[in-house]
PDB file of N, CA and C in Angstrom:
ATOM      1  N   MET A   1     -77.691  39.029  78.206  1.00  0.00           N
ATOM      2  CA  MET A   1     -77.820  37.772  78.774  1.00  0.00           C
ATOM      3  C   MET A   1     -76.416  37.103  79.026  1.00  0.00           C
ATOM      4  N   PRO A   2     -76.061  36.636  80.172  1.00  0.00           N
ATOM      5  CA  PRO A   2     -74.812  36.042  80.376  1.00  0.00           C
ATOM      6  C   PRO A   2     -74.664  34.689  79.658  1.00  0.00           C
ATOM      7  N   ARG A   3     -73.455  34.384  79.355  1.00  0.00           N
ATOM      8  CA  ARG A   3     -73.227  33.082  78.595  1.00  0.00           C
ATOM      9  C   ARG A   3     -73.425  31.944  79.543  1.00  0.00           C
ATOM     10  N   GLN A   4     -73.871  30.837  79.030  1.00  0.00           N
ATOM     11  CA  GLN A   4     -74.095  29.692  79.937  1.00  0.00           C
ATOM     12  C   GLN A   4     -72.975  28.678  79.656  1.00  0.00           C
ATOM     13  N   VAL A   5     -72.277  28.279  80.767  1.00  0.00           N
ATOM     14  CA  VAL A   5     -71.173  27.387  80.674  1.00  0.00           C
ATOM     15  C   VAL A   5     -71.458  26.159  81.362  1.00  0.00           C
ATOM     16  N   THR A   6     -71.237  24.995  80.698  1.00  0.00           N
ATOM     17  CA  THR A   6     -71.515  23.683  81.309  1.00  0.00           C
ATOM     18  C   THR A   6     -70.466  23.523  82.394  1.00  0.00           C
ATOM     19  N   LYS A   7     -70.876  22.739  83.511  1.00  0.00           N
ATOM     20  CA  LYS A   7     -70.002  22.548  84.642  1.00  0.00           C
ATOM     21  C   LYS A   7     -68.710  21.874  84.215  1.00  0.00           C
ATOM     22  N   GLY A   8     -67.571  22.384  84.630  1.00  0.00           N
ATOM     23  CA  GLY A   8     -66.276  21.912  84.258  1.00  0.00           C
ATOM     24  C   GLY A   8     -65.679  22.401  83.027  1.00  0.00           C
ATOM     25  N   GLN A   9     -66.339  23.277  82.338  1.00  0.00           N
ATOM     26  CA  GLN A   9     -65.723  23.820  81.099  1.00  0.00           C
ATOM     27  C   GLN A   9     -65.332  25.268  81.304  1.00  0.00           C
ATOM     28  N   ALA A  10     -64.332  25.593  80.572  1.00  0.00           N
ATOM     29  CA  ALA A  10     -63.787  27.024  80.531  1.00  0.00           C
ATOM     30  C   ALA A  10     -64.708  27.769  79.653  1.00  0.00           C
ATOM     31  N   PRO A  11     -64.881  29.115  79.990  1.00  0.00           N
ATOM     32  CA  PRO A  11     -65.668  29.895  79.083  1.00  0.00           C
ATOM     33  C   PRO A  11     -65.104  29.872  77.676  1.00  0.00           C
ATOM     34  N   GLY A  12     -65.971  29.873  76.783  1.00  0.00           N
ATOM     35  CA  GLY A  12     -65.643  29.775  75.273  1.00  0.00           C
ATOM     36  C   GLY A  12     -65.410  28.423  74.782  1.00  0.00           C
ATOM     37  N   ALA A  13     -65.497  27.391  75.650  1.00  0.00           N
ATOM     38  CA  ALA A  13     -65.242  26.049  75.171  1.00  0.00           C
ATOM     39  C   ALA A  13     -66.561  25.267  75.112  1.00  0.00           C
ATOM     40  N   GLY A  14     -66.558  24.250  74.285  1.00  0.00           N
ATOM     41  CA  GLY A  14     -67.815  23.522  74.177  1.00  0.00           C
ATOM     42  C   GLY A  14     -68.879  24.076  73.386  1.00  0.00           C
ATOM     43  N   VAL A  15     -70.080  23.467  73.496  1.00  0.00           N
ATOM     44  CA  VAL A  15     -71.218  23.969  72.716  1.00  0.00           C
ATOM     45  C   VAL A  15     -72.078  24.736  73.628  1.00  0.00           C
ATOM     46  N   THR A  16     -72.467  25.962  73.295  1.00  0.00           N
ATOM     47  CA  THR A  16     -73.242  26.808  74.115  1.00  0.00           C
ATOM     48  C   THR A  16     -74.518  27.320  73.323  1.00  0.00           C
ATOM     49  N   ALA A  17     -75.641  27.193  73.846  1.00  0.00           N
ATOM     50  CA  ALA A  17     -76.828  27.708  73.183  1.00  0.00           C
ATOM     51  C   ALA A  17     -77.125  29.086  73.795  1.00  0.00           C
ATOM     52  N   VAL A  18     -77.061  30.101  72.803  1.00  0.00           N
ATOM     53  CA  VAL A  18     -77.240  31.471  73.371  1.00  0.00           C
ATOM     54  C   VAL A  18     -78.358  32.074  72.615  1.00  0.00           C
ATOM     55  N   PRO A  19     -79.514  32.221  73.361  1.00  0.00           N
ATOM     56  CA  PRO A  19     -80.655  33.007  72.747  1.00  0.00           C
ATOM     57  C   PRO A  19     -80.390  34.507  72.927  1.00  0.00           C
ATOM     58  N   ALA A  20     -80.536  35.294  71.890  1.00  0.00           N
ATOM     59  CA  ALA A  20     -80.260  36.661  71.999  1.00  0.00           C
ATOM     60  C   ALA A  20     -81.420  37.446  71.308  1.00  0.00           C
ATOM     61  N   THR A  21     -81.561  38.573  71.690  1.00  0.00           N
ATOM     62  CA  THR A  21     -82.680  39.461  71.132  1.00  0.00           C
ATOM     63  C   THR A  21     -82.000  40.585  70.370  1.00  0.00           C
ATOM     64  N   ARG A  22     -82.415  40.868  69.119  1.00  0.00           N
ATOM     65  CA  ARG A  22     -81.927  41.896  68.248  1.00  0.00           C
ATOM     66  C   ARG A  22     -83.091  42.880  68.083  1.00  0.00           C
ATOM     67  N   ALA A  23     -82.777  44.030  68.354  1.00  0.00           N
ATOM     68  CA  ALA A  23     -83.831  45.122  68.228  1.00  0.00           C
ATOM     69  C   ALA A  23     -83.513  45.935  66.828  1.00  0.00           C
ATOM     70  N   THR A  24     -84.381  45.790  65.967  1.00  0.00           N
ATOM     71  CA  THR A  24     -84.173  46.499  64.655  1.00  0.00           C
ATOM     72  C   THR A  24     -85.503  47.385  64.479  1.00  0.00           C
ATOM     73  N   SER A  25     -85.298  48.612  64.518  1.00  0.00           N
ATOM     74  CA  SER A  25     -86.404  49.605  64.401  1.00  0.00           C
ATOM     75  C   SER A  25     -87.604  49.209  65.268  1.00  0.00           C
ATOM     76  N   HIS A  26     -88.604  48.492  64.767  1.00  0.00           N
ATOM     77  CA  HIS A  26     -89.873  48.221  65.458  1.00  0.00           C
ATOM     78  C   HIS A  26     -89.941  46.704  65.714  1.00  0.00           C
ATOM     79  N   VAL A  27     -89.048  45.925  65.236  1.00  0.00           N
ATOM     80  CA  VAL A  27     -89.131  44.505  65.211  1.00  0.00           C
ATOM     81  C   VAL A  27     -88.127  43.828  66.226  1.00  0.00           C
ATOM     82  N   CYS A  28     -88.513  43.014  67.072  1.00  0.00           N
ATOM     83  CA  CYS A  28     -87.501  42.240  67.891  1.00  0.00           C
ATOM     84  C   CYS A  28     -87.502  40.841  67.389  1.00  0.00           C
ATOM     85  N   ALA A  29     -86.366  40.380  66.895  1.00  0.00           N
ATOM     86  CA  ALA A  29     -86.173  38.988  66.416  1.00  0.00           C
ATOM     87  C   ALA A  29     -85.484  38.242  67.335  1.00  0.00           C
ATOM     88  N   GLN A  30     -85.787  36.911  67.540  1.00  0.00           N
ATOM     89  CA  GLN A  30     -85.008  36.005  68.325  1.00  0.00           C
ATOM     90  C   GLN A  30     -84.044  35.261  67.482  1.00  0.00           C
ATOM     91  N   VAL A  31     -82.878  35.063  68.122  1.00  0.00           N
ATOM     92  CA  VAL A  31     -81.760  34.372  67.367  1.00  0.00           C
ATOM     93  C   VAL A  31     -81.266  33.276  68.252  1.00  0.00           C
ATOM     94  N   LEU A  32     -81.120  32.037  67.702  1.00  0.00           N
ATOM     95  CA  LEU A  32     -80.615  30.941  68.523  1.00  0.00           C
ATOM     96  C   LEU A  32     -79.290  30.569  67.825  1.00  0.00           C
ATOM     97  N   ARG A  33     -78.282  30.423  68.648  1.00  0.00           N
ATOM     98  CA  ARG A  33     -76.946  30.301  68.196  1.00  0.00           C
ATOM     99  C   ARG A  33     -76.215  29.169  68.928  1.00  0.00           C
ATOM    100  N   LEU A  34     -75.557  28.346  68.304  1.00  0.00           N
ATOM    101  CA  LEU A  34     -74.666  27.325  68.970  1.00  0.00           C
ATOM    102  C   LEU A  34     -73.266  27.647  68.741  1.00  0.00           C
ATOM    103  N   LYS A  35     -72.446  27.898  69.774  1.00  0.00           N
ATOM    104  CA  LYS A  35     -71.134  28.387  69.706  1.00  0.00           C
ATOM    105  C   LYS A  35     -70.158  27.291  70.093  1.00  0.00           C
ATOM    106  N   LEU A  36     -69.117  27.040  69.320  1.00  0.00           N
ATOM    107  CA  LEU A  36     -68.160  26.079  69.590  1.00  0.00           C
ATOM    108  C   LEU A  36     -66.782  26.775  69.677  1.00  0.00           C
ATOM    109  N   GLY A  37     -66.417  26.944  70.939  1.00  0.00           N
ATOM    110  CA  GLY A  37     -65.121  27.654  71.133  1.00  0.00           C
ATOM    111  C   GLY A  37     -65.291  29.156  70.810  1.00  0.00           C
ATOM    112  N   GLN A  38     -64.123  29.697  70.262  1.00  0.00           N
ATOM    113  CA  GLN A  38     -64.097  31.061  69.835  1.00  0.00           C
ATOM    114  C   GLN A  38     -64.114  31.252  68.375  1.00  0.00           C
ATOM    115  N   VAL A  39     -64.171  30.058  67.579  1.00  0.00           N
ATOM    116  CA  VAL A  39     -63.902  30.170  66.226  1.00  0.00           C
ATOM    117  C   VAL A  39     -65.282  29.910  65.389  1.00  0.00           C
ATOM    118  N   LEU A  40     -66.034  28.994  65.809  1.00  0.00           N
ATOM    119  CA  LEU A  40     -67.177  28.372  65.025  1.00  0.00           C
ATOM    120  C   LEU A  40     -68.494  28.782  65.700  1.00  0.00           C
ATOM    121  N   SER A  41     -69.461  29.304  65.025  1.00  0.00           N
ATOM    122  CA  SER A  41     -70.791  29.643  65.510  1.00  0.00           C
ATOM    123  C   SER A  41     -71.745  29.120  64.468  1.00  0.00           C
ATOM    124  N   ILE A  42     -72.827  28.435  64.911  1.00  0.00           N
ATOM    125  CA  ILE A  42     -73.946  28.089  64.047  1.00  0.00           C
ATOM    126  C   ILE A  42     -75.177  28.790  64.497  1.00  0.00           C
ATOM    127  N   ARG A  43     -75.747  29.579  63.678  1.00  0.00           N
ATOM    128  CA  ARG A  43     -76.985  30.251  63.872  1.00  0.00           C
ATOM    129  C   ARG A  43     -78.053  29.356  63.376  1.00  0.00           C
ATOM    130  N   ALA A  44     -79.072  28.967  64.280  1.00  0.00           N
ATOM    131  CA  ALA A  44     -80.111  27.973  63.909  1.00  0.00           C
ATOM    132  C   ALA A  44     -81.543  28.721  63.527  1.00  0.00           C
ATOM    133  N   PHE A  45     -81.673  29.914  63.950  1.00  0.00           N
ATOM    134  CA  PHE A  45     -82.935  30.602  63.761  1.00  0.00           C
ATOM    135  C   PHE A  45     -82.693  32.062  63.555  1.00  0.00           C
ATOM    136  N   PRO A  46     -83.181  32.857  62.734  1.00  0.00           N
ATOM    137  CA  PRO A  46     -84.208  32.406  61.762  1.00  0.00           C
ATOM    138  C   PRO A  46     -83.722  31.846  60.417  1.00  0.00           C
ATOM    139  N   THR A  47     -82.480  32.129  59.990  1.00  0.00           N
ATOM    140  CA  THR A  47     -81.868  31.436  58.883  1.00  0.00           C
ATOM    141  C   THR A  47     -80.662  30.660  59.336  1.00  0.00           C
ATOM    142  N   PRO A  48     -80.621  29.339  59.130  1.00  0.00           N
ATOM    143  CA  PRO A  48     -79.370  28.633  59.493  1.00  0.00           C
ATOM    144  C   PRO A  48     -78.180  29.150  58.790  1.00  0.00           C
ATOM    145  N   CYS A  49     -77.132  29.355  59.602  1.00  0.00           N
ATOM    146  CA  CYS A  49     -75.871  29.994  58.982  1.00  0.00           C
ATOM    147  C   CYS A  49     -74.752  29.513  59.773  1.00  0.00           C
ATOM    148  N   LEU A  50     -73.682  29.415  59.080  1.00  0.00           N
ATOM    149  CA  LEU A  50     -72.384  28.973  59.709  1.00  0.00           C
ATOM    150  C   LEU A  50     -71.478  30.192  59.663  1.00  0.00           C
ATOM    151  N   LYS A  51     -70.813  30.449  60.821  1.00  0.00           N
ATOM    152  CA  LYS A  51     -69.871  31.572  61.034  1.00  0.00           C
ATOM    153  C   LYS A  51     -68.586  31.153  61.567  1.00  0.00           C
ATOM    154  N   LEU A  52     -67.469  31.496  60.826  1.00  0.00           N
ATOM    155  CA  LEU A  52     -66.179  31.276  61.227  1.00  0.00           C
ATOM    156  C   LEU A  52     -65.517  32.609  61.579  1.00  0.00           C
ATOM    157  N   SER A  53     -64.858  32.770  62.740  1.00  0.00           N
ATOM    158  CA  SER A  53     -64.200  34.012  63.036  1.00  0.00           C
ATOM    159  C   SER A  53     -62.943  33.762  63.733  1.00  0.00           C
ATOM    160  N   SER A  54     -61.876  34.560  63.422  1.00  0.00           N
ATOM    161  CA  SER A  54     -60.634  34.480  64.080  1.00  0.00           C
ATOM    162  C   SER A  54     -59.826  35.774  63.970  1.00  0.00           C
ATOM    163  N   MET A  55     -58.815  35.929  64.954  1.00  0.00           N
ATOM    164  CA  MET A  55     -58.006  37.022  64.943  1.00  0.00           C
ATOM    165  C   MET A  55     -56.645  36.586  64.519  1.00  0.00           C
ATOM    166  N   VAL A  56     -56.097  37.272  63.425  1.00  0.00           N
ATOM    167  CA  VAL A  56     -54.758  36.928  62.862  1.00  0.00           C
ATOM    168  C   VAL A  56     -53.812  38.068  63.256  1.00  0.00           C
ATOM    169  N   PRO A  57     -52.743  37.682  63.898  1.00  0.00           N
ATOM    170  CA  PRO A  57     -51.778  38.728  64.281  1.00  0.00           C
ATOM    171  C   PRO A  57     -50.996  39.293  63.088  1.00  0.00           C
ATOM    172  N   LEU A  58     -50.720  40.630  63.085  1.00  0.00           N
ATOM    173  CA  LEU A  58     -49.958  41.238  61.982  1.00  0.00           C
ATOM    174  C   LEU A  58     -48.528  41.378  62.442  1.00  0.00           C
ATOM    175  N   GLY A  59     -47.736  40.323  62.243  1.00  0.00           N
ATOM    176  CA  GLY A  59     -46.320  40.342  62.658  1.00  0.00           C
ATOM    177  C   GLY A  59     -46.203  40.641  64.140  1.00  0.00           C
ATOM    178  N   ARG A  60     -45.136  41.463  64.417  1.00  0.00           N
ATOM    179  CA  ARG A  60     -44.799  41.909  65.764  1.00  0.00           C
ATOM    180  C   ARG A  60     -45.366  43.290  66.022  1.00  0.00           C
ATOM    181  N   THR A  61     -46.384  43.715  65.399  1.00  0.00           N
ATOM    182  CA  THR A  61     -46.825  45.096  65.468  1.00  0.00           C
ATOM    183  C   THR A  61     -47.780  45.228  66.720  1.00  0.00           C
ATOM    184  N   GLY A  62     -48.261  44.091  67.304  1.00  0.00           N
ATOM    185  CA  GLY A  62     -49.229  44.242  68.407  1.00  0.00           C
ATOM    186  C   GLY A  62     -50.687  44.411  67.926  1.00  0.00           C
ATOM    187  N   MET A  63     -50.798  44.487  66.532  1.00  0.00           N
ATOM    188  CA  MET A  63     -52.102  44.602  65.974  1.00  0.00           C
ATOM    189  C   MET A  63     -52.575  43.366  65.293  1.00  0.00           C
ATOM    190  N   GLY A  64     -53.817  43.153  64.983  1.00  0.00           N
ATOM    191  CA  GLY A  64     -54.344  42.033  64.400  1.00  0.00           C
ATOM    192  C   GLY A  64     -55.430  42.298  63.451  1.00  0.00           C
ATOM    193  N   LEU A  65     -55.708  41.228  62.590  1.00  0.00           N
ATOM    194  CA  LEU A  65     -56.739  41.370  61.607  1.00  0.00           C
ATOM    195  C   LEU A  65     -57.884  40.411  62.018  1.00  0.00           C
ATOM    196  N   LYS A  66     -59.055  40.966  62.186  1.00  0.00           N
ATOM    197  CA  LYS A  66     -60.144  40.186  62.593  1.00  0.00           C
ATOM    198  C   LYS A  66     -60.896  39.734  61.308  1.00  0.00           C
ATOM    199  N   VAL A  67     -61.013  38.356  61.110  1.00  0.00           N
ATOM    200  CA  VAL A  67     -61.608  37.789  60.040  1.00  0.00           C
ATOM    201  C   VAL A  67     -62.900  37.074  60.338  1.00  0.00           C
ATOM    202  N   HIS A  68     -63.955  37.342  59.600  1.00  0.00           N
ATOM    203  CA  HIS A  68     -65.276  36.684  59.696  1.00  0.00           C
ATOM    204  C   HIS A  68     -65.778  36.165  58.460  1.00  0.00           C
ATOM    205  N   PHE A  69     -66.260  34.998  58.437  1.00  0.00           N
ATOM    206  CA  PHE A  69     -66.753  34.341  57.236  1.00  0.00           C
ATOM    207  C   PHE A  69     -68.211  33.778  57.571  1.00  0.00           C
ATOM    208  N   ASP A  70     -69.201  34.210  56.952  1.00  0.00           N
ATOM    209  CA  ASP A  70     -70.624  33.757  57.101  1.00  0.00           C
ATOM    210  C   ASP A  70     -71.046  33.090  55.808  1.00  0.00           C
ATOM    211  N   VAL A  71     -71.744  32.014  56.048  1.00  0.00           N
ATOM    212  CA  VAL A  71     -72.311  31.287  54.919  1.00  0.00           C
ATOM    213  C   VAL A  71     -73.580  30.606  55.328  1.00  0.00           C
ATOM    214  N   PRO A  72     -74.785  30.871  54.645  1.00  0.00           N
ATOM    215  CA  PRO A  72     -75.960  30.128  54.997  1.00  0.00           C
ATOM    216  C   PRO A  72     -75.807  28.652  54.748  1.00  0.00           C
ATOM    217  N   LEU A  73     -76.328  27.822  55.616  1.00  0.00           N
ATOM    218  CA  LEU A  73     -76.163  26.371  55.408  1.00  0.00           C
ATOM    219  C   LEU A  73     -76.796  25.811  54.164  1.00  0.00           C
ATOM    220  N   ASP A  74     -77.807  26.429  53.645  1.00  0.00           N
ATOM    221  CA  ASP A  74     -78.419  25.918  52.321  1.00  0.00           C
ATOM    222  C   ASP A  74     -77.466  26.304  51.209  1.00  0.00           C
ATOM    223  N   SER A  75     -76.470  27.159  51.328  1.00  0.00           N
ATOM    224  CA  SER A  75     -75.607  27.529  50.334  1.00  0.00           C
ATOM    225  C   SER A  75     -74.178  26.987  50.549  1.00  0.00           C
ATOM    226  N   LEU A  76     -74.076  26.063  51.441  1.00  0.00           N
ATOM    227  CA  LEU A  76     -72.679  25.591  51.845  1.00  0.00           C
ATOM    228  C   LEU A  76     -71.958  25.042  50.755  1.00  0.00           C
ATOM    229  N   HIS A  77     -72.664  24.384  49.693  1.00  0.00           N
ATOM    230  CA  HIS A  77     -71.927  23.769  48.623  1.00  0.00           C
ATOM    231  C   HIS A  77     -71.357  24.975  47.682  1.00  0.00           C
ATOM    232  N   ARG A  78     -71.729  26.156  47.851  1.00  0.00           N
ATOM    233  CA  ARG A  78     -71.285  27.284  47.064  1.00  0.00           C
ATOM    234  C   ARG A  78     -70.724  28.322  48.016  1.00  0.00           C
ATOM    235  N   PHE A  79     -69.869  27.943  48.905  1.00  0.00           N
ATOM    236  CA  PHE A  79     -69.317  28.848  49.977  1.00  0.00           C
ATOM    237  C   PHE A  79     -68.530  30.049  49.448  1.00  0.00           C
ATOM    238  N   TYR A  80     -68.159  29.971  48.140  1.00  0.00           N
ATOM    239  CA  TYR A  80     -67.301  30.996  47.576  1.00  0.00           C
ATOM    240  C   TYR A  80     -68.157  32.023  46.797  1.00  0.00           C
ATOM    241  N   GLN A  81     -69.559  31.849  46.780  1.00  0.00           N
ATOM    242  CA  GLN A  81     -70.357  32.783  46.031  1.00  0.00           C
ATOM    243  C   GLN A  81     -71.387  33.381  46.998  1.00  0.00           C
ATOM    244  N   PRO A  82     -71.909  34.508  46.655  1.00  0.00           N
ATOM    245  CA  PRO A  82     -73.074  35.107  47.448  1.00  0.00           C
ATOM    246  C   PRO A  82     -74.123  34.219  47.567  1.00  0.00           C
ATOM    247  N   PRO A  83     -74.807  34.149  48.730  1.00  0.00           N
ATOM    248  CA  PRO A  83     -74.864  35.064  49.847  1.00  0.00           C
ATOM    249  C   PRO A  83     -73.779  34.912  50.931  1.00  0.00           C
ATOM    250  N   ALA A  84     -72.682  34.138  50.723  1.00  0.00           N
ATOM    251  CA  ALA A  84     -71.634  34.082  51.635  1.00  0.00           C
ATOM    252  C   ALA A  84     -70.928  35.375  51.718  1.00  0.00           C
ATOM    253  N   ARG A  85     -70.319  35.683  52.953  1.00  0.00           N
ATOM    254  CA  ARG A  85     -69.678  36.988  53.243  1.00  0.00           C
ATOM    255  C   ARG A  85     -68.373  36.725  53.851  1.00  0.00           C
ATOM    256  N   LEU A  86     -67.440  37.406  53.397  1.00  0.00           N
ATOM    257  CA  LEU A  86     -66.111  37.527  54.098  1.00  0.00           C
ATOM    258  C   LEU A  86     -65.819  38.932  54.536  1.00  0.00           C
ATOM    259  N   MET A  87     -65.580  39.066  55.843  1.00  0.00           N
ATOM    260  CA  MET A  87     -65.396  40.390  56.354  1.00  0.00           C
ATOM    261  C   MET A  87     -64.025  40.520  57.051  1.00  0.00           C
ATOM    262  N   LEU A  88     -63.297  41.560  56.833  1.00  0.00           N
ATOM    263  CA  LEU A  88     -61.957  41.779  57.385  1.00  0.00           C
ATOM    264  C   LEU A  88     -62.063  43.136  58.063  1.00  0.00           C
ATOM    265  N   ARG A  89     -61.600  43.148  59.378  1.00  0.00           N
ATOM    266  CA  ARG A  89     -61.499  44.401  60.157  1.00  0.00           C
ATOM    267  C   ARG A  89     -60.019  44.534  60.656  1.00  0.00           C
TER     268      ARG A  89
END
């Protein structure tokens, strides 16, 4: 599904509602996500979740480190403990 961009906004800017379908074995689940720019994403359904992601350059090597941090909104006060996840690629 193509991203929806509000008139006058550059792609990746502003708030965008993106319904997506995930196929897992025999079940298709709907996901509703609000995306703010390239860094912040809030998943509203099925489990409210806050996701921060960024690309960090590694000096002058031309390579970078992709950082993702996911935390459920009901556990936001304990963002440093599970079920929060920090992923590095």
